[in-house]
Amino acid sequence: MLGLLTALADAGPGPAPAPLTLDADERAALAAGDVVVRFPDSGETVGVIDVAASPDQVVDAVLDLGARVDEVGLLRSLEVYRDEGDVRGGRYVGGLFGIEAAIHVLYECDRAQGWCVFSLDEAYESSVDSAEGSYQAYAVGDGTRLVFRTTAGQGLPVPDFLRHKVQAGSVGEQLRGIARRAEEAG
C-alpha cells in the first residue's frame, strides 16, 4: 500500500488547466499592478497577479515556503519537513479569531507546465479537514501571470463576507510576496 501511495505522489501534479480568462476590469487592475481576487460560485478562491519575472523564477518563489511567514499575517511559523527538488512539505501554524491551527501541506510542481498543486499531507495530522489548490505560472507579454486557486477555508463557521475579506487579504499578501521575490531574483 505504501508503495502505491509513493508511486501516486511521484506521478506529479497532472495537467495544468487552460490560462484563466479575465474581464476588462481585471486586466486593468493587473496592468495597474494590483492583485485580482475572485470568489466564484464553485466555492474556491482565485487570486491573480502579473509578475515581471520568468515562469521558472515565479515557481522558485512559490516553493520558497519559509518566506511566507513574514509575508502573510495569518501565519505564525513554518517548518519545512520535506525538500526534494520540486516537492516540498511544510507544517504551518497560524491563527484567526483567536483560534490557532497547524496544517501539513504537500506541494508538487511540474516546472515544464509552470504548475504546482498542494493539498494536506495525509501522512501527518492537521487541524483542518481540507486545504488544496494550485499555483499556475505562464508567460504573458514580457512577464508571467501567476494564478492561485484554493478551496481552503470552506466550511469555516463565519459569514461568507468575513471569510472573503480575510481570504482576499491573505491571498493578496501571499501573491505580492511571491511576485516581489521572483522579481528580485530576476
Protein backbone atom coordinates (compact mmCIF):
# COMPACT_ATOMS: atom_id res chain seq x y z
CA MET A 1 0.00 0.00 0.00
CA LEU A 2 2.81 2.43 0.89
CA GLY A 3 4.43 1.69 -2.49
CA LEU A 4 1.20 2.62 -4.29
CA LEU A 5 0.92 5.90 -2.37
CA THR A 6 4.56 6.73 -3.13
CA ALA A 7 4.05 5.97 -6.82
CA LEU A 8 0.97 8.20 -6.91
CA ALA A 9 2.83 11.02 -5.16
CA ASP A 10 5.72 10.68 -7.61
CA ALA A 11 3.36 10.87 -10.59
CA GLY A 12 3.41 14.67 -10.37
CA PRO A 13 0.63 17.21 -10.28
CA GLY A 14 -1.12 16.24 -13.52
CA PRO A 15 -2.06 18.58 -16.38
CA ALA A 16 -2.40 22.33 -15.85
CA PRO A 17 -5.72 23.99 -16.70
CA ALA A 18 -6.09 26.44 -19.58
CA PRO A 19 -4.98 30.01 -18.79
CA LEU A 20 -7.55 31.99 -16.83
CA THR A 21 -9.89 34.26 -18.79
CA LEU A 22 -10.05 37.77 -17.35
CA ASP A 23 -12.60 40.52 -17.91
CA ALA A 24 -11.63 44.09 -18.84
CA ASP A 25 -11.73 45.36 -15.24
CA GLU A 26 -9.48 42.52 -14.07
CA ARG A 27 -7.00 43.12 -16.89
CA ALA A 28 -6.92 46.84 -15.98
CA ALA A 29 -6.33 46.01 -12.31
CA LEU A 30 -3.43 43.71 -13.22
CA ALA A 31 -1.96 46.35 -15.55
CA ALA A 32 -2.05 48.78 -12.60
CA GLY A 33 -0.05 46.29 -10.51
CA ASP A 34 -2.96 45.14 -8.36
CA VAL A 35 -3.87 41.63 -7.25
CA VAL A 36 -7.22 40.35 -8.53
CA VAL A 37 -9.15 38.07 -6.15
CA ARG A 38 -12.31 36.22 -7.19
CA PHE A 39 -14.78 34.11 -5.25
CA PRO A 40 -16.52 32.03 -7.94
CA ASP A 41 -19.73 30.15 -7.23
CA SER A 42 -17.65 26.96 -7.11
CA GLY A 43 -16.57 27.96 -3.60
CA GLU A 44 -12.92 28.31 -4.46
CA THR A 45 -10.82 31.44 -4.06
CA VAL A 46 -8.84 32.58 -7.12
CA GLY A 47 -6.05 35.14 -6.97
CA VAL A 48 -4.11 36.56 -9.92
CA ILE A 49 -1.03 38.78 -10.22
CA ASP A 50 1.26 39.71 -13.10
CA VAL A 51 4.96 39.32 -12.32
CA ALA A 52 7.97 40.87 -14.08
CA ALA A 53 9.93 37.60 -13.99
CA SER A 54 10.08 34.29 -15.84
CA PRO A 55 7.68 31.43 -15.02
CA ASP A 56 10.63 29.44 -13.60
CA GLN A 57 11.56 32.31 -11.26
CA VAL A 58 7.93 32.51 -10.14
CA VAL A 59 7.84 28.76 -9.40
CA ASP A 60 11.06 29.16 -7.39
CA ALA A 61 9.35 31.88 -5.34
CA VAL A 62 6.23 29.70 -4.86
CA LEU A 63 8.46 26.95 -3.47
CA ASP A 64 10.19 29.33 -1.03
CA LEU A 65 7.77 28.36 1.72
CA GLY A 66 9.71 29.97 4.56
CA ALA A 67 9.30 33.48 3.17
CA ARG A 68 5.52 33.31 3.60
CA VAL A 69 5.67 33.55 7.38
CA ASP A 70 6.90 37.15 7.10
CA GLU A 71 4.50 37.99 4.25
CA VAL A 72 1.15 36.53 5.32
CA GLY A 73 -0.26 37.96 8.51
CA LEU A 74 -2.22 34.82 9.45
CA LEU A 75 0.92 32.67 9.62
CA ARG A 76 2.94 32.36 12.83
CA SER A 77 5.55 29.74 11.90
CA LEU A 78 6.61 27.17 9.33
CA GLU A 79 8.71 24.05 9.49
CA VAL A 80 9.79 22.60 6.14
CA TYR A 81 9.86 18.83 6.67
CA ARG A 82 10.34 17.78 3.05
CA ASP A 83 12.56 19.43 0.45
CA GLU A 84 13.10 17.21 -2.60
CA GLY A 85 13.50 19.22 -5.78
CA ASP A 86 10.08 20.42 -6.85
CA VAL A 87 8.33 18.67 -3.96
CA ARG A 88 8.02 20.48 -0.63
CA GLY A 89 6.23 19.70 2.61
CA GLY A 90 5.60 22.31 5.25
CA ARG A 91 3.93 22.45 8.65
CA TYR A 92 2.27 25.84 9.02
CA VAL A 93 0.96 27.26 12.28
CA GLY A 94 -1.39 30.19 12.02
CA GLY A 95 -4.34 31.80 13.67
CA LEU A 96 -7.56 33.63 13.05
CA PHE A 97 -10.13 35.00 15.50
CA GLY A 98 -8.14 33.62 18.42
CA ILE A 99 -8.11 30.08 17.03
CA GLU A 100 -4.70 28.57 16.28
CA ALA A 101 -4.36 25.81 13.69
CA ALA A 102 -1.50 23.66 12.45
CA ILE A 103 -1.58 22.13 8.98
CA HIS A 104 0.81 19.96 6.98
CA VAL A 105 0.79 20.87 3.29
CA LEU A 106 2.49 18.99 0.46
CA TYR A 107 3.43 20.88 -2.74
CA GLU A 108 4.24 19.15 -6.05
CA CYS A 109 5.36 21.11 -9.09
CA ASP A 110 5.82 20.44 -12.78
CA ARG A 111 8.12 23.23 -13.97
CA ALA A 112 7.59 22.45 -17.66
CA GLN A 113 3.93 23.38 -17.17
CA GLY A 114 4.53 26.12 -14.57
CA TRP A 115 2.09 24.20 -12.44
CA CYS A 116 2.14 23.38 -8.72
CA VAL A 117 -0.57 21.68 -6.72
CA PHE A 118 -0.89 21.49 -2.97
CA SER A 119 -3.01 19.52 -0.51
CA LEU A 120 -2.98 18.39 3.06
CA ASP A 121 -0.23 15.84 3.62
CA GLU A 122 -2.22 12.88 4.85
CA ALA A 123 0.89 11.35 6.41
CA TYR A 124 0.50 13.94 9.19
CA GLU A 125 -2.30 15.20 11.38
CA SER A 126 -3.70 18.66 10.63
CA SER A 127 -6.18 20.93 12.40
CA VAL A 128 -8.40 21.25 9.31
CA ASP A 129 -10.20 18.70 7.15
CA SER A 130 -9.07 20.04 3.79
CA ALA A 131 -6.74 22.50 2.15
CA GLU A 132 -6.00 22.12 -1.51
CA GLY A 133 -5.30 24.21 -4.54
CA SER A 134 -2.74 25.22 -7.12
CA TYR A 135 -0.36 27.80 -8.48
CA GLN A 136 -0.14 28.28 -12.24
CA ALA A 137 2.62 30.42 -13.78
CA TYR A 138 2.51 31.11 -17.51
CA ALA A 139 4.15 33.65 -19.79
CA VAL A 140 2.16 36.80 -20.60
CA GLY A 141 3.91 39.52 -22.57
CA ASP A 142 7.38 40.06 -21.10
CA GLY A 143 6.47 38.51 -17.75
CA THR A 144 4.41 35.85 -16.03
CA ARG A 145 0.84 35.63 -14.86
CA LEU A 146 0.51 33.76 -11.56
CA VAL A 147 -2.90 32.24 -10.83
CA PHE A 148 -3.57 30.87 -7.34
CA ARG A 149 -6.60 28.69 -6.67
CA THR A 150 -7.68 27.20 -3.36
CA THR A 151 -10.67 25.66 -1.64
CA ALA A 152 -9.10 26.14 1.79
CA GLY A 153 -11.34 27.95 4.24
CA GLN A 154 -14.55 26.38 3.03
CA GLY A 155 -16.87 25.33 5.83
CA LEU A 156 -15.49 27.83 8.34
CA PRO A 157 -18.19 28.85 10.83
CA VAL A 158 -18.07 32.52 9.74
CA PRO A 159 -20.22 34.51 7.31
CA ASP A 160 -19.04 34.46 3.67
CA PHE A 161 -18.43 38.24 3.59
CA LEU A 162 -16.00 37.93 6.50
CA ARG A 163 -14.30 34.81 5.09
CA HIS A 164 -13.92 36.60 1.73
CA LYS A 165 -12.39 39.67 3.40
CA VAL A 166 -9.84 37.58 5.31
CA GLN A 167 -9.02 35.40 2.28
CA ALA A 168 -8.67 38.38 -0.07
CA GLY A 169 -6.16 39.94 2.33
CA SER A 170 -4.23 36.72 2.82
CA VAL A 171 -4.16 35.86 -0.90
CA GLY A 172 -3.04 39.40 -1.74
CA GLU A 173 -0.22 39.27 0.82
CA GLN A 174 0.94 35.90 -0.45
CA LEU A 175 0.87 36.79 -4.17
CA ARG A 176 2.56 40.17 -3.67
CA GLY A 177 5.31 38.41 -1.69
CA ILE A 178 5.82 35.74 -4.34
CA ALA A 179 5.91 38.40 -7.08
CA ARG A 180 8.41 40.57 -5.16
CA ARG A 181 10.76 37.65 -4.54
CA ALA A 182 10.56 36.43 -8.16
CA GLU A 183 11.23 39.92 -9.48
CA GLU A 184 14.19 40.41 -7.12
CA ALA A 185 15.64 37.10 -8.35
CA GLY A 186 15.33 38.21 -11.99
